[in-house]
Amino acid sequence: MANAFKSIAQGLQEALALEEGKAVAVRVHRPEEIDVAELRHSLGLTQQEFAAKFCISLGTLRHWERGDRKPQGPALALLHVVAKEPQAVLRALA
């Protein structure tokens, strides 16, 4: 149990250090931001169509396109896959 605690504590310390901009000995992958409106336009879809096809709430999509919020985590990953292989995503979600 002590080893688990030490491991978790170390991970938290590294996460805090990373957030503060300090150098940490971990590999961090941060996907690039994505222009959601540009992606949607490139696919020739309306906001309603894009939201429905890719299981995104219309309100969330509108916030992303206005710049009020930015997609993060799994949503950002999904959008990157949609940008590269939209038909594969559509087949998977069908």
PDB file of N, CA and C in Angstrom:
ATOM      1  N   MET A   1       0.818  -1.188   0.000  1.00  0.00           N
ATOM      2  CA  MET A   1       0.000   0.000   0.000  1.00  0.00           C
ATOM      3  C   MET A   1       0.868   1.261   0.000  1.00  0.00           C
ATOM      4  N   ALA A   2       1.972   1.212   0.721  1.00  0.00           N
ATOM      5  CA  ALA A   2       2.861   2.370   0.794  1.00  0.00           C
ATOM      6  C   ALA A   2       3.432   2.703  -0.574  1.00  0.00           C
ATOM      7  N   ASN A   3       3.772   1.664  -1.370  1.00  0.00           N
ATOM      8  CA  ASN A   3       4.316   1.903  -2.709  1.00  0.00           C
ATOM      9  C   ASN A   3       3.281   2.567  -3.604  1.00  0.00           C
ATOM     10  N   ALA A   4       2.038   2.146  -3.484  1.00  0.00           N
ATOM     11  CA  ALA A   4       0.977   2.748  -4.293  1.00  0.00           C
ATOM     12  C   ALA A   4       0.827   4.221  -3.932  1.00  0.00           C
ATOM     13  N   PHE A   5       0.839   4.526  -2.649  1.00  0.00           N
ATOM     14  CA  PHE A   5       0.720   5.915  -2.211  1.00  0.00           C
ATOM     15  C   PHE A   5       1.875   6.749  -2.746  1.00  0.00           C
ATOM     16  N   LYS A   6       3.089   6.224  -2.649  1.00  0.00           N
ATOM     17  CA  LYS A   6       4.260   6.960  -3.129  1.00  0.00           C
ATOM     18  C   LYS A   6       4.161   7.233  -4.626  1.00  0.00           C
ATOM     19  N   SER A   7       3.696   6.244  -5.370  1.00  0.00           N
ATOM     20  CA  SER A   7       3.559   6.389  -6.819  1.00  0.00           C
ATOM     21  C   SER A   7       2.521   7.453  -7.166  1.00  0.00           C
ATOM     22  N   ILE A   8       1.400   7.412  -6.475  1.00  0.00           N
ATOM     23  CA  ILE A   8       0.345   8.400  -6.726  1.00  0.00           C
ATOM     24  C   ILE A   8       0.826   9.796  -6.336  1.00  0.00           C
ATOM     25  N   ALA A   9       1.480   9.907  -5.191  1.00  0.00           N
ATOM     26  CA  ALA A   9       1.995  11.201  -4.735  1.00  0.00           C
ATOM     27  C   ALA A   9       3.009  11.763  -5.723  1.00  0.00           C
ATOM     28  N   GLN A  10       3.884  10.914  -6.236  1.00  0.00           N
ATOM     29  CA  GLN A  10       4.884  11.355  -7.214  1.00  0.00           C
ATOM     30  C   GLN A  10       4.190  11.848  -8.480  1.00  0.00           C
ATOM     31  N   GLY A  11       3.182  11.111  -8.933  1.00  0.00           N
ATOM     32  CA  GLY A  11       2.447  11.525 -10.122  1.00  0.00           C
ATOM     33  C   GLY A  11       1.767  12.873  -9.942  1.00  0.00           C
ATOM     34  N   LEU A  12       1.195  13.086  -8.772  1.00  0.00           N
ATOM     35  CA  LEU A  12       0.559  14.374  -8.491  1.00  0.00           C
ATOM     36  C   LEU A  12       1.583  15.507  -8.461  1.00  0.00           C
ATOM     37  N   GLN A  13       2.727  15.248  -7.859  1.00  0.00           N
ATOM     38  CA  GLN A  13       3.775  16.267  -7.822  1.00  0.00           C
ATOM     39  C   GLN A  13       4.257  16.602  -9.222  1.00  0.00           C
ATOM     40  N   GLU A  14       4.410  15.592 -10.064  1.00  0.00           N
ATOM     41  CA  GLU A  14       4.841  15.831 -11.451  1.00  0.00           C
ATOM     42  C   GLU A  14       3.775  16.605 -12.218  1.00  0.00           C
ATOM     43  N   ALA A  15       2.505  16.269 -12.007  1.00  0.00           N
ATOM     44  CA  ALA A  15       1.422  16.974 -12.693  1.00  0.00           C
ATOM     45  C   ALA A  15       1.397  18.444 -12.290  1.00  0.00           C
ATOM     46  N   LEU A  16       1.554  18.715 -11.011  1.00  0.00           N
ATOM     47  CA  LEU A  16       1.585  20.102 -10.540  1.00  0.00           C
ATOM     48  C   LEU A  16       2.785  20.855 -11.109  1.00  0.00           C
ATOM     49  N   ALA A  17       3.933  20.215 -11.120  1.00  0.00           N
ATOM     50  CA  ALA A  17       5.137  20.849 -11.670  1.00  0.00           C
ATOM     51  C   ALA A  17       4.949  21.157 -13.153  1.00  0.00           C
ATOM     52  N   LEU A  18       4.383  20.212 -13.881  1.00  0.00           N
ATOM     53  CA  LEU A  18       4.141  20.414 -15.313  1.00  0.00           C
ATOM     54  C   LEU A  18       3.198  21.591 -15.534  1.00  0.00           C
ATOM     55  N   GLU A  19       2.142  21.654 -14.738  1.00  0.00           N
ATOM     56  CA  GLU A  19       1.173  22.739 -14.865  1.00  0.00           C
ATOM     57  C   GLU A  19       1.810  24.094 -14.569  1.00  0.00           C
ATOM     58  N   GLU A  20       2.789  24.109 -13.687  1.00  0.00           N
ATOM     59  CA  GLU A  20       3.491  25.351 -13.347  1.00  0.00           C
ATOM     60  C   GLU A  20       4.579  25.692 -14.358  1.00  0.00           C
ATOM     61  N   GLY A  21       4.755  24.845 -15.357  1.00  0.00           N
ATOM     62  CA  GLY A  21       5.732  25.117 -16.400  1.00  0.00           C
ATOM     63  C   GLY A  21       7.140  24.643 -16.082  1.00  0.00           C
ATOM     64  N   LYS A  22       7.274  23.868 -15.023  1.00  0.00           N
ATOM     65  CA  LYS A  22       8.584  23.351 -14.651  1.00  0.00           C
ATOM     66  C   LYS A  22       8.919  22.129 -15.505  1.00  0.00           C
ATOM     67  N   ALA A  23      10.207  21.877 -15.664  1.00  0.00           N
ATOM     68  CA  ALA A  23      10.654  20.710 -16.424  1.00  0.00           C
ATOM     69  C   ALA A  23      10.400  19.449 -15.587  1.00  0.00           C
ATOM     70  N   VAL A  24       9.819  18.457 -16.224  1.00  0.00           N
ATOM     71  CA  VAL A  24       9.585  17.169 -15.569  1.00  0.00           C
ATOM     72  C   VAL A  24      10.072  16.058 -16.485  1.00  0.00           C
ATOM     73  N   ALA A  25      10.460  14.947 -15.895  1.00  0.00           N
ATOM     74  CA  ALA A  25      11.015  13.835 -16.660  1.00  0.00           C
ATOM     75  C   ALA A  25       9.915  12.885 -17.111  1.00  0.00           C
ATOM     76  N   VAL A  26       8.929  13.440 -17.774  1.00  0.00           N
ATOM     77  CA  VAL A  26       7.849  12.622 -18.327  1.00  0.00           C
ATOM     78  C   VAL A  26       7.592  13.065 -19.758  1.00  0.00           C
ATOM     79  N   ARG A  27       7.022  12.179 -20.523  1.00  0.00           N
ATOM     80  CA  ARG A  27       6.660  12.518 -21.894  1.00  0.00           C
ATOM     81  C   ARG A  27       5.210  12.985 -21.892  1.00  0.00           C
ATOM     82  N   VAL A  28       4.977  14.139 -22.473  1.00  0.00           N
ATOM     83  CA  VAL A  28       3.640  14.721 -22.503  1.00  0.00           C
ATOM     84  C   VAL A  28       3.198  14.847 -23.948  1.00  0.00           C
ATOM     85  N   HIS A  29       2.009  14.371 -24.230  1.00  0.00           N
ATOM     86  CA  HIS A  29       1.450  14.509 -25.577  1.00  0.00           C
ATOM     87  C   HIS A  29       0.258  15.445 -25.493  1.00  0.00           C
ATOM     88  N   ARG A  30       0.362  16.559 -26.178  1.00  0.00           N
ATOM     89  CA  ARG A  30      -0.739  17.512 -26.229  1.00  0.00           C
ATOM     90  C   ARG A  30      -1.101  17.733 -27.693  1.00  0.00           C
ATOM     91  N   PRO A  31      -2.256  17.207 -28.104  1.00  0.00           N
ATOM     92  CA  PRO A  31      -2.654  17.396 -29.500  1.00  0.00           C
ATOM     93  C   PRO A  31      -2.825  18.876 -29.827  1.00  0.00           C
ATOM     94  N   GLU A  32      -2.581  19.201 -31.071  1.00  0.00           N
ATOM     95  CA  GLU A  32      -2.760  20.581 -31.529  1.00  0.00           C
ATOM     96  C   GLU A  32      -4.218  20.977 -31.391  1.00  0.00           C
ATOM     97  N   GLU A  33      -4.439  22.282 -31.247  1.00  0.00           N
ATOM     98  CA  GLU A  33      -5.808  22.781 -31.274  1.00  0.00           C
ATOM     99  C   GLU A  33      -6.348  22.565 -32.679  1.00  0.00           C
ATOM    100  N   ILE A  34      -7.664  22.555 -32.795  1.00  0.00           N
ATOM    101  CA  ILE A  34      -8.272  22.321 -34.099  1.00  0.00           C
ATOM    102  C   ILE A  34      -9.354  23.362 -34.336  1.00  0.00           C
ATOM    103  N   ASP A  35      -9.424  23.871 -35.553  1.00  0.00           N
ATOM    104  CA  ASP A  35     -10.459  24.842 -35.921  1.00  0.00           C
ATOM    105  C   ASP A  35     -11.701  24.048 -36.292  1.00  0.00           C
ATOM    106  N   VAL A  36     -12.642  23.967 -35.384  1.00  0.00           N
ATOM    107  CA  VAL A  36     -13.817  23.122 -35.565  1.00  0.00           C
ATOM    108  C   VAL A  36     -14.682  23.631 -36.706  1.00  0.00           C
ATOM    109  N   ALA A  37     -14.856  24.949 -36.801  1.00  0.00           N
ATOM    110  CA  ALA A  37     -15.677  25.507 -37.880  1.00  0.00           C
ATOM    111  C   ALA A  37     -15.066  25.172 -39.243  1.00  0.00           C
ATOM    112  N   GLU A  38     -13.751  25.303 -39.347  1.00  0.00           N
ATOM    113  CA  GLU A  38     -13.068  24.984 -40.607  1.00  0.00           C
ATOM    114  C   GLU A  38     -13.240  23.497 -40.950  1.00  0.00           C
ATOM    115  N   LEU A  39     -13.096  22.639 -39.948  1.00  0.00           N
ATOM    116  CA  LEU A  39     -13.288  21.206 -40.165  1.00  0.00           C
ATOM    117  C   LEU A  39     -14.696  20.921 -40.656  1.00  0.00           C
ATOM    118  N   ARG A  40     -15.679  21.511 -39.994  1.00  0.00           N
ATOM    119  CA  ARG A  40     -17.082  21.287 -40.380  1.00  0.00           C
ATOM    120  C   ARG A  40     -17.340  21.774 -41.804  1.00  0.00           C
ATOM    121  N   HIS A  41     -16.827  22.965 -42.125  1.00  0.00           N
ATOM    122  CA  HIS A  41     -17.010  23.506 -43.482  1.00  0.00           C
ATOM    123  C   HIS A  41     -16.335  22.617 -44.517  1.00  0.00           C
ATOM    124  N   SER A  42     -15.157  22.077 -44.194  1.00  0.00           N
ATOM    125  CA  SER A  42     -14.441  21.223 -45.151  1.00  0.00           C
ATOM    126  C   SER A  42     -15.228  19.953 -45.458  1.00  0.00           C
ATOM    127  N   LEU A  43     -16.071  19.538 -44.520  1.00  0.00           N
ATOM    128  CA  LEU A  43     -16.903  18.351 -44.737  1.00  0.00           C
ATOM    129  C   LEU A  43     -18.243  18.703 -45.368  1.00  0.00           C
ATOM    130  N   GLY A  44     -18.502  20.001 -45.532  1.00  0.00           N
ATOM    131  CA  GLY A  44     -19.743  20.442 -46.165  1.00  0.00           C
ATOM    132  C   GLY A  44     -20.975  20.179 -45.316  1.00  0.00           C
ATOM    133  N   LEU A  45     -20.838  20.283 -43.995  1.00  0.00           N
ATOM    134  CA  LEU A  45     -21.950  19.981 -43.099  1.00  0.00           C
ATOM    135  C   LEU A  45     -22.414  21.228 -42.364  1.00  0.00           C
ATOM    136  N   THR A  46     -23.709  21.286 -42.081  1.00  0.00           N
ATOM    137  CA  THR A  46     -24.228  22.341 -41.216  1.00  0.00           C
ATOM    138  C   THR A  46     -23.856  21.998 -39.780  1.00  0.00           C
ATOM    139  N   GLN A  47     -24.062  22.947 -38.896  1.00  0.00           N
ATOM    140  CA  GLN A  47     -23.783  22.672 -37.489  1.00  0.00           C
ATOM    141  C   GLN A  47     -24.639  21.503 -36.995  1.00  0.00           C
ATOM    142  N   GLN A  48     -25.904  21.500 -37.346  1.00  0.00           N
ATOM    143  CA  GLN A  48     -26.796  20.424 -36.901  1.00  0.00           C
ATOM    144  C   GLN A  48     -26.362  19.069 -37.456  1.00  0.00           C
ATOM    145  N   GLU A  49     -25.971  19.030 -38.714  1.00  0.00           N
ATOM    146  CA  GLU A  49     -25.530  17.774 -39.316  1.00  0.00           C
ATOM    147  C   GLU A  49     -24.248  17.265 -38.663  1.00  0.00           C
ATOM    148  N   PHE A  50     -23.289  18.164 -38.484  1.00  0.00           N
ATOM    149  CA  PHE A  50     -22.005  17.779 -37.886  1.00  0.00           C
ATOM    150  C   PHE A  50     -22.218  17.254 -36.475  1.00  0.00           C
ATOM    151  N   ALA A  51     -22.992  17.992 -35.682  1.00  0.00           N
ATOM    152  CA  ALA A  51     -23.251  17.584 -34.301  1.00  0.00           C
ATOM    153  C   ALA A  51     -23.926  16.216 -34.259  1.00  0.00           C
ATOM    154  N   ALA A  52     -24.912  16.002 -35.098  1.00  0.00           N
ATOM    155  CA  ALA A  52     -25.643  14.732 -35.099  1.00  0.00           C
ATOM    156  C   ALA A  52     -24.757  13.578 -35.562  1.00  0.00           C
ATOM    157  N   LYS A  53     -23.994  13.792 -36.627  1.00  0.00           N
ATOM    158  CA  LYS A  53     -23.173  12.706 -37.171  1.00  0.00           C
ATOM    159  C   LYS A  53     -22.053  12.278 -36.235  1.00  0.00           C
ATOM    160  N   PHE A  54     -21.496  13.228 -35.464  1.00  0.00           N
ATOM    161  CA  PHE A  54     -20.345  12.901 -34.636  1.00  0.00           C
ATOM    162  C   PHE A  54     -20.662  12.900 -33.137  1.00  0.00           C
ATOM    163  N   CYS A  55     -21.965  12.839 -32.820  1.00  0.00           N
ATOM    164  CA  CYS A  55     -22.430  12.686 -31.425  1.00  0.00           C
ATOM    165  C   CYS A  55     -21.914  13.793 -30.506  1.00  0.00           C
ATOM    166  N   ILE A  56     -22.006  15.012 -30.993  1.00  0.00           N
ATOM    167  CA  ILE A  56     -21.586  16.187 -30.228  1.00  0.00           C
ATOM    168  C   ILE A  56     -22.827  17.038 -30.010  1.00  0.00           C
ATOM    169  N   SER A  57     -22.998  17.566 -28.814  1.00  0.00           N
ATOM    170  CA  SER A  57     -24.171  18.404 -28.589  1.00  0.00           C
ATOM    171  C   SER A  57     -24.034  19.675 -29.432  1.00  0.00           C
ATOM    172  N   LEU A  58     -25.158  20.134 -29.948  1.00  0.00           N
ATOM    173  CA  LEU A  58     -25.158  21.321 -30.800  1.00  0.00           C
ATOM    174  C   LEU A  58     -24.658  22.536 -30.026  1.00  0.00           C
ATOM    175  N   GLY A  59     -25.041  22.639 -28.771  1.00  0.00           N
ATOM    176  CA  GLY A  59     -24.582  23.753 -27.942  1.00  0.00           C
ATOM    177  C   GLY A  59     -23.068  23.754 -27.776  1.00  0.00           C
ATOM    178  N   THR A  60     -22.501  22.576 -27.536  1.00  0.00           N
ATOM    179  CA  THR A  60     -21.052  22.451 -27.386  1.00  0.00           C
ATOM    180  C   THR A  60     -20.352  22.839 -28.685  1.00  0.00           C
ATOM    181  N   LEU A  61     -20.861  22.359 -29.795  1.00  0.00           N
ATOM    182  CA  LEU A  61     -20.279  22.695 -31.094  1.00  0.00           C
ATOM    183  C   LEU A  61     -20.287  24.207 -31.308  1.00  0.00           C
ATOM    184  N   ARG A  62     -21.387  24.840 -30.979  1.00  0.00           N
ATOM    185  CA  ARG A  62     -21.480  26.294 -31.158  1.00  0.00           C
ATOM    186  C   ARG A  62     -20.482  27.024 -30.266  1.00  0.00           C
ATOM    187  N   HIS A  63     -20.315  26.553 -29.024  1.00  0.00           N
ATOM    188  CA  HIS A  63     -19.319  27.163 -28.136  1.00  0.00           C
ATOM    189  C   HIS A  63     -17.916  27.025 -28.718  1.00  0.00           C
ATOM    190  N   TRP A  64     -17.597  25.849 -29.261  1.00  0.00           N
ATOM    191  CA  TRP A  64     -16.282  25.640 -29.866  1.00  0.00           C
ATOM    192  C   TRP A  64     -16.077  26.589 -31.037  1.00  0.00           C
ATOM    193  N   GLU A  65     -17.090  26.701 -31.894  1.00  0.00           N
ATOM    194  CA  GLU A  65     -16.941  27.534 -33.090  1.00  0.00           C
ATOM    195  C   GLU A  65     -16.848  29.017 -32.748  1.00  0.00           C
ATOM    196  N   ARG A  66     -17.522  29.446 -31.696  1.00  0.00           N
ATOM    197  CA  ARG A  66     -17.443  30.854 -31.274  1.00  0.00           C
ATOM    198  C   ARG A  66     -16.150  31.149 -30.528  1.00  0.00           C
ATOM    199  N   GLY A  67     -15.493  30.109 -30.050  1.00  0.00           N
ATOM    200  CA  GLY A  67     -14.266  30.295 -29.298  1.00  0.00           C
ATOM    201  C   GLY A  67     -14.490  30.474 -27.806  1.00  0.00           C
ATOM    202  N   ASP A  68     -15.738  30.279 -27.351  1.00  0.00           N
ATOM    203  CA  ASP A  68     -16.036  30.375 -25.914  1.00  0.00           C
ATOM    204  C   ASP A  68     -15.327  29.260 -25.150  1.00  0.00           C
ATOM    205  N   ARG A  69     -15.238  28.108 -25.780  1.00  0.00           N
ATOM    206  CA  ARG A  69     -14.578  26.938 -25.188  1.00  0.00           C
ATOM    207  C   ARG A  69     -13.745  26.274 -26.261  1.00  0.00           C
ATOM    208  N   LYS A  70     -12.853  25.395 -25.801  1.00  0.00           N
ATOM    209  CA  LYS A  70     -12.019  24.629 -26.729  1.00  0.00           C
ATOM    210  C   LYS A  70     -12.225  23.151 -26.446  1.00  0.00           C
ATOM    211  N   PRO A  71     -12.281  22.337 -27.498  1.00  0.00           N
ATOM    212  CA  PRO A  71     -12.377  20.897 -27.261  1.00  0.00           C
ATOM    213  C   PRO A  71     -11.137  20.393 -26.553  1.00  0.00           C
ATOM    214  N   GLN A  72     -11.351  19.477 -25.617  1.00  0.00           N
ATOM    215  CA  GLN A  72     -10.249  18.915 -24.855  1.00  0.00           C
ATOM    216  C   GLN A  72     -10.421  17.405 -24.749  1.00  0.00           C
ATOM    217  N   GLY A  73      -9.360  16.750 -24.365  1.00  0.00           N
ATOM    218  CA  GLY A  73      -9.396  15.318 -24.068  1.00  0.00           C
ATOM    219  C   GLY A  73      -9.968  14.478 -25.202  1.00  0.00           C
ATOM    220  N   PRO A  74     -10.903  13.584 -24.881  1.00  0.00           N
ATOM    221  CA  PRO A  74     -11.460  12.679 -25.890  1.00  0.00           C
ATOM    222  C   PRO A  74     -12.133  13.417 -27.047  1.00  0.00           C
ATOM    223  N   ALA A  75     -12.770  14.558 -26.759  1.00  0.00           N
ATOM    224  CA  ALA A  75     -13.421  15.312 -27.834  1.00  0.00           C
ATOM    225  C   ALA A  75     -12.391  15.825 -28.831  1.00  0.00           C
ATOM    226  N   LEU A  76     -11.273  16.302 -28.334  1.00  0.00           N
ATOM    227  CA  LEU A  76     -10.213  16.781 -29.221  1.00  0.00           C
ATOM    228  C   LEU A  76      -9.637  15.631 -30.034  1.00  0.00           C
ATOM    229  N   ALA A  77      -9.465  14.484 -29.394  1.00  0.00           N
ATOM    230  CA  ALA A  77      -8.965  13.304 -30.115  1.00  0.00           C
ATOM    231  C   ALA A  77      -9.944  12.908 -31.218  1.00  0.00           C
ATOM    232  N   LEU A  78     -11.236  12.892 -30.900  1.00  0.00           N
ATOM    233  CA  LEU A  78     -12.249  12.550 -31.904  1.00  0.00           C
ATOM    234  C   LEU A  78     -12.168  13.512 -33.087  1.00  0.00           C
ATOM    235  N   LEU A  79     -12.060  14.791 -32.819  1.00  0.00           N
ATOM    236  CA  LEU A  79     -12.015  15.772 -33.903  1.00  0.00           C
ATOM    237  C   LEU A  79     -10.784  15.591 -34.784  1.00  0.00           C
ATOM    238  N   HIS A  80      -9.657  15.211 -34.182  1.00  0.00           N
ATOM    239  CA  HIS A  80      -8.463  14.958 -34.992  1.00  0.00           C
ATOM    240  C   HIS A  80      -8.663  13.736 -35.890  1.00  0.00           C
ATOM    241  N   VAL A  81      -9.325  12.718 -35.380  1.00  0.00           N
ATOM    242  CA  VAL A  81      -9.607  11.535 -36.208  1.00  0.00           C
ATOM    243  C   VAL A  81     -10.596  11.901 -37.307  1.00  0.00           C
ATOM    244  N   VAL A  82     -11.610  12.682 -36.971  1.00  0.00           N
ATOM    245  CA  VAL A  82     -12.579  13.137 -37.979  1.00  0.00           C
ATOM    246  C   VAL A  82     -11.861  13.915 -39.074  1.00  0.00           C
ATOM    247  N   ALA A  83     -10.919  14.761 -38.702  1.00  0.00           N
ATOM    248  CA  ALA A  83     -10.181  15.553 -39.689  1.00  0.00           C
ATOM    249  C   ALA A  83      -9.386  14.673 -40.641  1.00  0.00           C
ATOM    250  N   LYS A  84      -8.842  13.572 -40.139  1.00  0.00           N
ATOM    251  CA  LYS A  84      -8.018  12.696 -40.980  1.00  0.00           C
ATOM    252  C   LYS A  84      -8.815  11.604 -41.697  1.00  0.00           C
ATOM    253  N   GLU A  85      -9.808  11.040 -41.015  1.00  0.00           N
ATOM    254  CA  GLU A  85     -10.562   9.912 -41.572  1.00  0.00           C
ATOM    255  C   GLU A  85     -12.058  10.032 -41.267  1.00  0.00           C
ATOM    256  N   PRO A  86     -12.719  11.054 -41.826  1.00  0.00           N
ATOM    257  CA  PRO A  86     -14.133  11.256 -41.481  1.00  0.00           C
ATOM    258  C   PRO A  86     -15.021  10.060 -41.827  1.00  0.00           C
ATOM    259  N   GLN A  87     -14.759   9.418 -42.943  1.00  0.00           N
ATOM    260  CA  GLN A  87     -15.608   8.288 -43.343  1.00  0.00           C
ATOM    261  C   GLN A  87     -15.452   7.104 -42.394  1.00  0.00           C
ATOM    262  N   ALA A  88     -14.242   6.888 -41.892  1.00  0.00           N
ATOM    263  CA  ALA A  88     -14.025   5.806 -40.936  1.00  0.00           C
ATOM    264  C   ALA A  88     -14.811   6.065 -39.654  1.00  0.00           C
ATOM    265  N   VAL A  89     -14.816   7.312 -39.213  1.00  0.00           N
ATOM    266  CA  VAL A  89     -15.565   7.651 -37.999  1.00  0.00           C
ATOM    267  C   VAL A  89     -17.055   7.470 -38.245  1.00  0.00           C
ATOM    268  N   LEU A  90     -17.528   7.931 -39.400  1.00  0.00           N
ATOM    269  CA  LEU A  90     -18.941   7.774 -39.714  1.00  0.00           C
ATOM    270  C   LEU A  90     -19.350   6.301 -39.768  1.00  0.00           C
ATOM    271  N   ARG A  91     -18.477   5.463 -40.359  1.00  0.00           N
ATOM    272  CA  ARG A  91     -18.773   4.013 -40.397  1.00  0.00           C
ATOM    273  C   ARG A  91     -18.813   3.436 -38.985  1.00  0.00           C
ATOM    274  N   ALA A  92     -17.875   3.851 -38.163  1.00  0.00           N
ATOM    275  CA  ALA A  92     -17.801   3.324 -36.798  1.00  0.00           C
ATOM    276  C   ALA A  92     -19.018   3.757 -35.965  1.00  0.00           C
ATOM    277  N   LEU A  93     -19.531   4.938 -36.232  1.00  0.00           N
ATOM    278  CA  LEU A  93     -20.654   5.447 -35.452  1.00  0.00           C
ATOM    279  C   LEU A  93     -22.019   5.057 -36.030  1.00  0.00           C
ATOM    280  N   ALA A  94     -22.008   4.492 -37.214  1.00  0.00           N
ATOM    281  CA  ALA A  94     -23.286   4.128 -37.865  1.00  0.00           C
ATOM    282  C   ALA A  94     -23.954   2.948 -37.190  1.00  0.00           C
TER     283      ALA A  94
END
